[in-house]
Amino acid sequence: MIRDHALCRLAEIFKVPLESLRPFHRFDVDLKSSFVSDFRRNELDKVSDDIHDVADKHIMKEFASDKTVIGTVEDYCNHMIRCGKLNPKEVERLLGVKIEN
């Protein structure tokens, strides 16, 4: 359920058909951002915001030490699933899904 909503979120951000997304697609390689001015957020900025918005302090430390890197569609989905267990309210807010514990 979280994976499906995470995929929908990525399709919405990158303005691509949902069925075109593949787990191995890499951000800024297969899924590129469009050019925007310094005053607007591009697609990669939005993905980065999502990733950090749902992360708890422990995961933020993992990011800082490069233990956790989100580089693919699969990484993003797995991150949302993991954070859905640790920080369900933020994942619910971001993805618009009710997480049942």
PDB file of N, CA and C in Angstrom:
ATOM      1  N   MET A   1       0.823  -1.190   0.000  1.00  0.00           N
ATOM      2  CA  MET A   1       0.000   0.000   0.000  1.00  0.00           C
ATOM      3  C   MET A   1       0.872   1.261   0.000  1.00  0.00           C
ATOM      4  N   ILE A   2       1.856   1.341   0.916  1.00  0.00           N
ATOM      5  CA  ILE A   2       2.740   2.506   0.938  1.00  0.00           C
ATOM      6  C   ILE A   2       3.534   2.574  -0.358  1.00  0.00           C
ATOM      7  N   ARG A   3       4.018   1.428  -0.828  1.00  0.00           N
ATOM      8  CA  ARG A   3       4.789   1.391  -2.074  1.00  0.00           C
ATOM      9  C   ARG A   3       3.964   1.957  -3.231  1.00  0.00           C
ATOM     10  N   ASP A   4       2.714   1.553  -3.329  1.00  0.00           N
ATOM     11  CA  ASP A   4       1.850   2.041  -4.412  1.00  0.00           C
ATOM     12  C   ASP A   4       1.683   3.558  -4.350  1.00  0.00           C
ATOM     13  N   HIS A   5       1.475   4.075  -3.155  1.00  0.00           N
ATOM     14  CA  HIS A   5       1.309   5.523  -2.997  1.00  0.00           C
ATOM     15  C   HIS A   5       2.628   6.258  -3.257  1.00  0.00           C
ATOM     16  N   ALA A   6       3.740   5.652  -2.870  1.00  0.00           N
ATOM     17  CA  ALA A   6       5.045   6.265  -3.135  1.00  0.00           C
ATOM     18  C   ALA A   6       5.300   6.327  -4.637  1.00  0.00           C
ATOM     19  N   LEU A   7       4.950   5.275  -5.348  1.00  0.00           N
ATOM     20  CA  LEU A   7       5.101   5.273  -6.807  1.00  0.00           C
ATOM     21  C   LEU A   7       4.224   6.346  -7.447  1.00  0.00           C
ATOM     22  N   CYS A   8       3.004   6.469  -6.962  1.00  0.00           N
ATOM     23  CA  CYS A   8       2.110   7.518  -7.480  1.00  0.00           C
ATOM     24  C   CYS A   8       2.694   8.901  -7.223  1.00  0.00           C
ATOM     25  N   ARG A   9       3.278   9.081  -6.057  1.00  0.00           N
ATOM     26  CA  ARG A   9       3.897  10.368  -5.721  1.00  0.00           C
ATOM     27  C   ARG A   9       5.034  10.683  -6.703  1.00  0.00           C
ATOM     28  N   LEU A  10       5.884   9.700  -6.989  1.00  0.00           N
ATOM     29  CA  LEU A  10       6.988   9.925  -7.925  1.00  0.00           C
ATOM     30  C   LEU A  10       6.478  10.214  -9.334  1.00  0.00           C
ATOM     31  N   ALA A  11       5.465   9.477  -9.757  1.00  0.00           N
ATOM     32  CA  ALA A  11       4.888   9.719 -11.089  1.00  0.00           C
ATOM     33  C   ALA A  11       4.342  11.140 -11.172  1.00  0.00           C
ATOM     34  N   GLU A  12       3.716  11.581 -10.100  1.00  0.00           N
ATOM     35  CA  GLU A  12       3.171  12.943 -10.052  1.00  0.00           C
ATOM     36  C   GLU A  12       4.295  13.983 -10.094  1.00  0.00           C
ATOM     37  N   ILE A  13       5.333  13.771  -9.307  1.00  0.00           N
ATOM     38  CA  ILE A  13       6.445  14.725  -9.253  1.00  0.00           C
ATOM     39  C   ILE A  13       7.126  14.857 -10.611  1.00  0.00           C
ATOM     40  N   PHE A  14       7.419  13.716 -11.245  1.00  0.00           N
ATOM     41  CA  PHE A  14       8.157  13.733 -12.513  1.00  0.00           C
ATOM     42  C   PHE A  14       7.252  13.831 -13.740  1.00  0.00           C
ATOM     43  N   LYS A  15       5.943  13.836 -13.502  1.00  0.00           N
ATOM     44  CA  LYS A  15       4.969  13.945 -14.595  1.00  0.00           C
ATOM     45  C   LYS A  15       5.193  12.866 -15.658  1.00  0.00           C
ATOM     46  N   VAL A  16       5.273  11.619 -15.158  1.00  0.00           N
ATOM     47  CA  VAL A  16       5.420  10.460 -16.044  1.00  0.00           C
ATOM     48  C   VAL A  16       4.291   9.486 -15.747  1.00  0.00           C
ATOM     49  N   PRO A  17       3.944   8.631 -16.705  1.00  0.00           N
ATOM     50  CA  PRO A  17       2.925   7.618 -16.426  1.00  0.00           C
ATOM     51  C   PRO A  17       3.408   6.663 -15.330  1.00  0.00           C
ATOM     52  N   LEU A  18       2.523   6.332 -14.434  1.00  0.00           N
ATOM     53  CA  LEU A  18       2.848   5.432 -13.330  1.00  0.00           C
ATOM     54  C   LEU A  18       3.473   4.136 -13.830  1.00  0.00           C
ATOM     55  N   GLU A  19       2.892   3.578 -14.884  1.00  0.00           N
ATOM     56  CA  GLU A  19       3.364   2.288 -15.392  1.00  0.00           C
ATOM     57  C   GLU A  19       4.752   2.365 -16.023  1.00  0.00           C
ATOM     58  N   SER A  20       5.265   3.565 -16.243  1.00  0.00           N
ATOM     59  CA  SER A  20       6.608   3.695 -16.826  1.00  0.00           C
ATOM     60  C   SER A  20       7.716   3.636 -15.773  1.00  0.00           C
ATOM     61  N   LEU A  21       7.365   3.812 -14.501  1.00  0.00           N
ATOM     62  CA  LEU A  21       8.370   3.782 -13.439  1.00  0.00           C
ATOM     63  C   LEU A  21       8.855   2.362 -13.194  1.00  0.00           C
ATOM     64  N   ARG A  22      10.159   2.220 -13.037  1.00  0.00           N
ATOM     65  CA  ARG A  22      10.782   0.929 -12.753  1.00  0.00           C
ATOM     66  C   ARG A  22      11.623   1.064 -11.484  1.00  0.00           C
ATOM     67  N   PRO A  23      11.706   0.004 -10.689  1.00  0.00           N
ATOM     68  CA  PRO A  23      12.472   0.075  -9.437  1.00  0.00           C
ATOM     69  C   PRO A  23      13.915   0.535  -9.627  1.00  0.00           C
ATOM     70  N   PHE A  24      14.514   0.185 -10.735  1.00  0.00           N
ATOM     71  CA  PHE A  24      15.925   0.500 -10.971  1.00  0.00           C
ATOM     72  C   PHE A  24      16.149   1.901 -11.536  1.00  0.00           C
ATOM     73  N   HIS A  25      15.089   2.632 -11.847  1.00  0.00           N
ATOM     74  CA  HIS A  25      15.257   3.993 -12.369  1.00  0.00           C
ATOM     75  C   HIS A  25      15.972   4.855 -11.330  1.00  0.00           C
ATOM     76  N   ARG A  26      17.001   5.554 -11.793  1.00  0.00           N
ATOM     77  CA  ARG A  26      17.820   6.387 -10.919  1.00  0.00           C
ATOM     78  C   ARG A  26      17.423   7.855 -11.064  1.00  0.00           C
ATOM     79  N   PHE A  27      17.423   8.526  -9.919  1.00  0.00           N
ATOM     80  CA  PHE A  27      17.137   9.953  -9.914  1.00  0.00           C
ATOM     81  C   PHE A  27      18.301  10.693 -10.565  1.00  0.00           C
ATOM     82  N   ASP A  28      17.978  11.636 -11.404  1.00  0.00           N
ATOM     83  CA  ASP A  28      18.904  12.482 -12.154  1.00  0.00           C
ATOM     84  C   ASP A  28      19.632  11.736 -13.269  1.00  0.00           C
ATOM     85  N   VAL A  29      19.267  10.480 -13.506  1.00  0.00           N
ATOM     86  CA  VAL A  29      19.789   9.728 -14.651  1.00  0.00           C
ATOM     87  C   VAL A  29      18.609   9.323 -15.524  1.00  0.00           C
ATOM     88  N   ASP A  30      17.759   8.463 -14.970  1.00  0.00           N
ATOM     89  CA  ASP A  30      16.557   8.030 -15.688  1.00  0.00           C
ATOM     90  C   ASP A  30      15.397   9.000 -15.458  1.00  0.00           C
ATOM     91  N   LEU A  31      15.341   9.550 -14.278  1.00  0.00           N
ATOM     92  CA  LEU A  31      14.305  10.526 -13.918  1.00  0.00           C
ATOM     93  C   LEU A  31      14.991  11.866 -13.702  1.00  0.00           C
ATOM     94  N   LYS A  32      14.941  12.693 -14.709  1.00  0.00           N
ATOM     95  CA  LYS A  32      15.663  13.967 -14.689  1.00  0.00           C
ATOM     96  C   LYS A  32      14.746  15.104 -14.251  1.00  0.00           C
ATOM     97  N   SER A  33      15.390  16.104 -13.688  1.00  0.00           N
ATOM     98  CA  SER A  33      14.628  17.286 -13.295  1.00  0.00           C
ATOM     99  C   SER A  33      14.566  18.257 -14.463  1.00  0.00           C
ATOM    100  N   SER A  34      13.530  19.044 -14.455  1.00  0.00           N
ATOM    101  CA  SER A  34      13.415  20.103 -15.454  1.00  0.00           C
ATOM    102  C   SER A  34      14.123  21.337 -14.912  1.00  0.00           C
ATOM    103  N   PHE A  35      14.527  22.192 -15.799  1.00  0.00           N
ATOM    104  CA  PHE A  35      15.173  23.424 -15.352  1.00  0.00           C
ATOM    105  C   PHE A  35      14.119  24.343 -14.752  1.00  0.00           C
ATOM    106  N   VAL A  36      14.440  24.866 -13.606  1.00  0.00           N
ATOM    107  CA  VAL A  36      13.605  25.907 -13.001  1.00  0.00           C
ATOM    108  C   VAL A  36      14.536  26.965 -12.427  1.00  0.00           C
ATOM    109  N   SER A  37      13.994  28.108 -12.182  1.00  0.00           N
ATOM    110  CA  SER A  37      14.805  29.196 -11.623  1.00  0.00           C
ATOM    111  C   SER A  37      15.226  28.849 -10.199  1.00  0.00           C
ATOM    112  N   ASP A  38      16.081  29.669  -9.657  1.00  0.00           N
ATOM    113  CA  ASP A  38      16.546  29.475  -8.286  1.00  0.00           C
ATOM    114  C   ASP A  38      15.435  29.656  -7.259  1.00  0.00           C
ATOM    115  N   PHE A  39      14.303  30.169  -7.708  1.00  0.00           N
ATOM    116  CA  PHE A  39      13.220  30.483  -6.783  1.00  0.00           C
ATOM    117  C   PHE A  39      12.135  29.413  -6.716  1.00  0.00           C
ATOM    118  N   ARG A  40      12.247  28.367  -7.545  1.00  0.00           N
ATOM    119  CA  ARG A  40      11.251  27.283  -7.540  1.00  0.00           C
ATOM    120  C   ARG A  40      11.951  25.958  -7.322  1.00  0.00           C
ATOM    121  N   ARG A  41      11.244  25.019  -6.745  1.00  0.00           N
ATOM    122  CA  ARG A  41      11.784  23.685  -6.474  1.00  0.00           C
ATOM    123  C   ARG A  41      11.608  22.822  -7.716  1.00  0.00           C
ATOM    124  N   ASN A  42      12.664  22.101  -8.112  1.00  0.00           N
ATOM    125  CA  ASN A  42      12.521  21.175  -9.234  1.00  0.00           C
ATOM    126  C   ASN A  42      12.165  19.785  -8.709  1.00  0.00           C
ATOM    127  N   GLU A  43      12.062  18.827  -9.587  1.00  0.00           N
ATOM    128  CA  GLU A  43      11.619  17.480  -9.211  1.00  0.00           C
ATOM    129  C   GLU A  43      12.560  16.831  -8.195  1.00  0.00           C
ATOM    130  N   LEU A  44      13.857  16.971  -8.409  1.00  0.00           N
ATOM    131  CA  LEU A  44      14.813  16.357  -7.483  1.00  0.00           C
ATOM    132  C   LEU A  44      14.780  17.030  -6.117  1.00  0.00           C
ATOM    133  N   ASP A  45      14.535  18.328  -6.093  1.00  0.00           N
ATOM    134  CA  ASP A  45      14.359  19.027  -4.819  1.00  0.00           C
ATOM    135  C   ASP A  45      13.151  18.467  -4.072  1.00  0.00           C
ATOM    136  N   LYS A  46      12.071  18.227  -4.797  1.00  0.00           N
ATOM    137  CA  LYS A  46      10.850  17.703  -4.171  1.00  0.00           C
ATOM    138  C   LYS A  46      11.071  16.300  -3.622  1.00  0.00           C
ATOM    139  N   VAL A  47      11.794  15.455  -4.376  1.00  0.00           N
ATOM    140  CA  VAL A  47      12.099  14.102  -3.894  1.00  0.00           C
ATOM    141  C   VAL A  47      12.960  14.193  -2.633  1.00  0.00           C
ATOM    142  N   SER A  48      13.958  15.048  -2.656  1.00  0.00           N
ATOM    143  CA  SER A  48      14.816  15.235  -1.483  1.00  0.00           C
ATOM    144  C   SER A  48      14.007  15.731  -0.286  1.00  0.00           C
ATOM    145  N   ASP A  49      13.113  16.673  -0.524  1.00  0.00           N
ATOM    146  CA  ASP A  49      12.245  17.162   0.553  1.00  0.00           C
ATOM    147  C   ASP A  49      11.421  16.023   1.136  1.00  0.00           C
ATOM    148  N   ASP A  50      10.827  15.204   0.273  1.00  0.00           N
ATOM    149  CA  ASP A  50      10.024  14.063   0.730  1.00  0.00           C
ATOM    150  C   ASP A  50      10.851  13.152   1.629  1.00  0.00           C
ATOM    151  N   ILE A  51      12.037  12.801   1.141  1.00  0.00           N
ATOM    152  CA  ILE A  51      12.912  11.866   1.851  1.00  0.00           C
ATOM    153  C   ILE A  51      13.254  12.398   3.240  1.00  0.00           C
ATOM    154  N   HIS A  52      13.581  13.661   3.320  1.00  0.00           N
ATOM    155  CA  HIS A  52      13.967  14.242   4.605  1.00  0.00           C
ATOM    156  C   HIS A  52      12.768  14.554   5.495  1.00  0.00           C
ATOM    157  N   ASP A  53      11.641  14.895   4.910  1.00  0.00           N
ATOM    158  CA  ASP A  53      10.447  15.219   5.705  1.00  0.00           C
ATOM    159  C   ASP A  53       9.946  14.032   6.522  1.00  0.00           C
ATOM    160  N   VAL A  54      10.076  12.822   6.001  1.00  0.00           N
ATOM    161  CA  VAL A  54       9.542  11.653   6.703  1.00  0.00           C
ATOM    162  C   VAL A  54      10.575  10.955   7.587  1.00  0.00           C
ATOM    163  N   ALA A  55      11.846  11.330   7.457  1.00  0.00           N
ATOM    164  CA  ALA A  55      12.915  10.661   8.205  1.00  0.00           C
ATOM    165  C   ALA A  55      12.927  11.100   9.667  1.00  0.00           C
ATOM    166  N   ASP A  56      13.243  10.147  10.544  1.00  0.00           N
ATOM    167  CA  ASP A  56      13.414  10.490  11.954  1.00  0.00           C
ATOM    168  C   ASP A  56      14.888  10.835  12.205  1.00  0.00           C
ATOM    169  N   LYS A  57      15.233  11.140  13.443  1.00  0.00           N
ATOM    170  CA  LYS A  57      16.599  11.563  13.777  1.00  0.00           C
ATOM    171  C   LYS A  57      17.627  10.483  13.457  1.00  0.00           C
ATOM    172  N   HIS A  58      17.281   9.234  13.719  1.00  0.00           N
ATOM    173  CA  HIS A  58      18.201   8.124  13.455  1.00  0.00           C
ATOM    174  C   HIS A  58      18.520   8.027  11.964  1.00  0.00           C
ATOM    175  N   ILE A  59      17.513   8.121  11.139  1.00  0.00           N
ATOM    176  CA  ILE A  59      17.721   8.040   9.687  1.00  0.00           C
ATOM    177  C   ILE A  59      18.480   9.268   9.193  1.00  0.00           C
ATOM    178  N   MET A  60      18.220  10.422   9.768  1.00  0.00           N
ATOM    179  CA  MET A  60      18.963  11.621   9.380  1.00  0.00           C
ATOM    180  C   MET A  60      20.454  11.448   9.670  1.00  0.00           C
ATOM    181  N   LYS A  61      20.784  10.784  10.778  1.00  0.00           N
ATOM    182  CA  LYS A  61      22.191  10.498  11.078  1.00  0.00           C
ATOM    183  C   LYS A  61      22.780   9.544  10.046  1.00  0.00           C
ATOM    184  N   GLU A  62      21.980   8.573   9.601  1.00  0.00           N
ATOM    185  CA  GLU A  62      22.438   7.658   8.553  1.00  0.00           C
ATOM    186  C   GLU A  62      22.739   8.422   7.267  1.00  0.00           C
ATOM    187  N   PHE A  63      21.889   9.383   6.927  1.00  0.00           N
ATOM    188  CA  PHE A  63      22.138  10.211   5.738  1.00  0.00           C
ATOM    189  C   PHE A  63      23.450  10.981   5.901  1.00  0.00           C
ATOM    190  N   ALA A  64      23.641  11.566   7.069  1.00  0.00           N
ATOM    191  CA  ALA A  64      24.834  12.382   7.315  1.00  0.00           C
ATOM    192  C   ALA A  64      26.116  11.565   7.211  1.00  0.00           C
ATOM    193  N   SER A  65      26.048  10.291   7.589  1.00  0.00           N
ATOM    194  CA  SER A  65      27.234   9.431   7.541  1.00  0.00           C
ATOM    195  C   SER A  65      27.304   8.612   6.250  1.00  0.00           C
ATOM    196  N   ASP A  66      26.407   8.879   5.328  1.00  0.00           N
ATOM    197  CA  ASP A  66      26.338   8.164   4.039  1.00  0.00           C
ATOM    198  C   ASP A  66      26.053   6.671   4.184  1.00  0.00           C
ATOM    199  N   LYS A  67      25.490   6.250   5.319  1.00  0.00           N
ATOM    200  CA  LYS A  67      25.077   4.854   5.482  1.00  0.00           C
ATOM    201  C   LYS A  67      23.815   4.573   4.685  1.00  0.00           C
ATOM    202  N   THR A  68      23.003   5.584   4.509  1.00  0.00           N
ATOM    203  CA  THR A  68      21.772   5.459   3.740  1.00  0.00           C
ATOM    204  C   THR A  68      21.799   6.480   2.613  1.00  0.00           C
ATOM    205  N   VAL A  69      21.619   5.980   1.399  1.00  0.00           N
ATOM    206  CA  VAL A  69      21.573   6.833   0.216  1.00  0.00           C
ATOM    207  C   VAL A  69      20.343   6.431  -0.587  1.00  0.00           C
ATOM    208  N   ILE A  70      19.534   7.392  -0.958  1.00  0.00           N
ATOM    209  CA  ILE A  70      18.339   7.139  -1.753  1.00  0.00           C
ATOM    210  C   ILE A  70      18.644   7.592  -3.175  1.00  0.00           C
ATOM    211  N   GLY A  71      18.814   6.622  -4.079  1.00  0.00           N
ATOM    212  CA  GLY A  71      19.189   6.966  -5.438  1.00  0.00           C
ATOM    213  C   GLY A  71      18.285   6.428  -6.519  1.00  0.00           C
ATOM    214  N   THR A  72      17.388   5.510  -6.140  1.00  0.00           N
ATOM    215  CA  THR A  72      16.516   4.879  -7.130  1.00  0.00           C
ATOM    216  C   THR A  72      15.062   4.925  -6.677  1.00  0.00           C
ATOM    217  N   VAL A  73      14.186   4.590  -7.593  1.00  0.00           N
ATOM    218  CA  VAL A  73      12.761   4.484  -7.272  1.00  0.00           C
ATOM    219  C   VAL A  73      12.566   3.467  -6.151  1.00  0.00           C
ATOM    220  N   GLU A  74      13.236   2.329  -6.241  1.00  0.00           N
ATOM    221  CA  GLU A  74      13.112   1.302  -5.205  1.00  0.00           C
ATOM    222  C   GLU A  74      13.601   1.822  -3.855  1.00  0.00           C
ATOM    223  N   ASP A  75      14.720   2.534  -3.837  1.00  0.00           N
ATOM    224  CA  ASP A  75      15.221   3.119  -2.589  1.00  0.00           C
ATOM    225  C   ASP A  75      14.181   4.049  -1.969  1.00  0.00           C
ATOM    226  N   TYR A  76      13.565   4.885  -2.798  1.00  0.00           N
ATOM    227  CA  TYR A  76      12.551   5.839  -2.331  1.00  0.00           C
ATOM    228  C   TYR A  76      11.369   5.081  -1.720  1.00  0.00           C
ATOM    229  N   CYS A  77      10.880   4.077  -2.428  1.00  0.00           N
ATOM    230  CA  CYS A  77       9.732   3.307  -1.928  1.00  0.00           C
ATOM    231  C   CYS A  77      10.078   2.598  -0.624  1.00  0.00           C
ATOM    232  N   ASN A  78      11.257   1.972  -0.563  1.00  0.00           N
ATOM    233  CA  ASN A  78      11.679   1.282   0.659  1.00  0.00           C
ATOM    234  C   ASN A  78      11.845   2.263   1.816  1.00  0.00           C
ATOM    235  N   HIS A  79      12.330   3.446   1.523  1.00  0.00           N
ATOM    236  CA  HIS A  79      12.473   4.481   2.547  1.00  0.00           C
ATOM    237  C   HIS A  79      11.097   4.872   3.099  1.00  0.00           C
ATOM    238  N   MET A  80      10.120   5.039   2.221  1.00  0.00           N
ATOM    239  CA  MET A  80       8.773   5.398   2.671  1.00  0.00           C
ATOM    240  C   MET A  80       8.166   4.280   3.522  1.00  0.00           C
ATOM    241  N   ILE A  81       8.407   3.037   3.135  1.00  0.00           N
ATOM    242  CA  ILE A  81       7.908   1.903   3.920  1.00  0.00           C
ATOM    243  C   ILE A  81       8.565   1.889   5.298  1.00  0.00           C
ATOM    244  N   ARG A  82       9.881   2.052   5.319  1.00  0.00           N
ATOM    245  CA  ARG A  82      10.612   2.072   6.590  1.00  0.00           C
ATOM    246  C   ARG A  82      10.121   3.214   7.478  1.00  0.00           C
ATOM    247  N   CYS A  83      10.001   4.390   6.909  1.00  0.00           N
ATOM    248  CA  CYS A  83       9.560   5.547   7.692  1.00  0.00           C
ATOM    249  C   CYS A  83       8.092   5.435   8.087  1.00  0.00           C
ATOM    250  N   GLY A  84       7.310   4.682   7.321  1.00  0.00           N
ATOM    251  CA  GLY A  84       5.920   4.442   7.680  1.00  0.00           C
ATOM    252  C   GLY A  84       5.791   3.702   8.995  1.00  0.00           C
ATOM    253  N   LYS A  85       6.826   2.928   9.339  1.00  0.00           N
ATOM    254  CA  LYS A  85       6.846   2.215  10.621  1.00  0.00           C
ATOM    255  C   LYS A  85       7.375   3.106  11.740  1.00  0.00           C
ATOM    256  N   LEU A  86       8.310   3.995  11.394  1.00  0.00           N
ATOM    257  CA  LEU A  86       8.964   4.829  12.402  1.00  0.00           C
ATOM    258  C   LEU A  86       8.287   6.181  12.602  1.00  0.00           C
ATOM    259  N   ASN A  87       7.727   6.713  11.548  1.00  0.00           N
ATOM    260  CA  ASN A  87       7.156   8.062  11.559  1.00  0.00           C
ATOM    261  C   ASN A  87       5.866   8.072  10.722  1.00  0.00           C
ATOM    262  N   PRO A  88       4.884   7.258  11.117  1.00  0.00           N
ATOM    263  CA  PRO A  88       3.706   7.060  10.266  1.00  0.00           C
ATOM    264  C   PRO A  88       2.912   8.324   9.953  1.00  0.00           C
ATOM    265  N   LYS A  89       2.811   9.240  10.890  1.00  0.00           N
ATOM    266  CA  LYS A  89       2.001  10.441  10.635  1.00  0.00           C
ATOM    267  C   LYS A  89       2.566  11.271   9.486  1.00  0.00           C
ATOM    268  N   GLU A  90       3.877  11.390   9.411  1.00  0.00           N
ATOM    269  CA  GLU A  90       4.493  12.164   8.325  1.00  0.00           C
ATOM    270  C   GLU A  90       4.313  11.469   6.981  1.00  0.00           C
ATOM    271  N   VAL A  91       4.452  10.149   6.964  1.00  0.00           N
ATOM    272  CA  VAL A  91       4.264   9.396   5.716  1.00  0.00           C
ATOM    273  C   VAL A  91       2.810   9.484   5.279  1.00  0.00           C
ATOM    274  N   GLU A  92       1.890   9.373   6.223  1.00  0.00           N
ATOM    275  CA  GLU A  92       0.464   9.521   5.910  1.00  0.00           C
ATOM    276  C   GLU A  92       0.185  10.890   5.297  1.00  0.00           C
ATOM    277  N   ARG A  93       0.749  11.928   5.900  1.00  0.00           N
ATOM    278  CA  ARG A  93       0.541  13.294   5.413  1.00  0.00           C
ATOM    279  C   ARG A  93       1.104  13.456   4.001  1.00  0.00           C
ATOM    280  N   LEU A  94       2.305  12.971   3.795  1.00  0.00           N
ATOM    281  CA  LEU A  94       2.972  13.147   2.508  1.00  0.00           C
ATOM    282  C   LEU A  94       2.299  12.361   1.390  1.00  0.00           C
ATOM    283  N   LEU A  95       2.001  11.098   1.657  1.00  0.00           N
ATOM    284  CA  LEU A  95       1.473  10.219   0.611  1.00  0.00           C
ATOM    285  C   LEU A  95      -0.048  10.175   0.563  1.00  0.00           C
ATOM    286  N   GLY A  96      -0.703  10.731   1.570  1.00  0.00           N
ATOM    287  CA  GLY A  96      -2.159  10.711   1.586  1.00  0.00           C
ATOM    288  C   GLY A  96      -2.728   9.321   1.776  1.00  0.00           C
ATOM    289  N   VAL A  97      -2.085   8.548   2.637  1.00  0.00           N
ATOM    290  CA  VAL A  97      -2.500   7.172   2.879  1.00  0.00           C
ATOM    291  C   VAL A  97      -2.621   6.956   4.385  1.00  0.00           C
ATOM    292  N   LYS A  98      -3.578   6.160   4.801  1.00  0.00           N
ATOM    293  CA  LYS A  98      -3.735   5.808   6.207  1.00  0.00           C
ATOM    294  C   LYS A  98      -2.940   4.538   6.463  1.00  0.00           C
ATOM    295  N   ILE A  99      -2.012   4.612   7.406  1.00  0.00           N
ATOM    296  CA  ILE A  99      -1.168   3.467   7.727  1.00  0.00           C
ATOM    297  C   ILE A  99      -1.774   2.729   8.906  1.00  0.00           C
ATOM    298  N   GLU A 100      -2.054   1.473   8.692  1.00  0.00           N
ATOM    299  CA  GLU A 100      -2.596   0.616   9.751  1.00  0.00           C
ATOM    300  C   GLU A 100      -1.445  -0.094  10.445  1.00  0.00           C
ATOM    301  N   ASN A 101      -1.364   0.050  11.755  1.00  0.00           N
ATOM    302  CA  ASN A 101      -0.298  -0.627  12.519  1.00  0.00           C
ATOM    303  C   ASN A 101      -0.753  -1.954  13.022  1.00  0.00           C
TER     304      ASN A 101
END
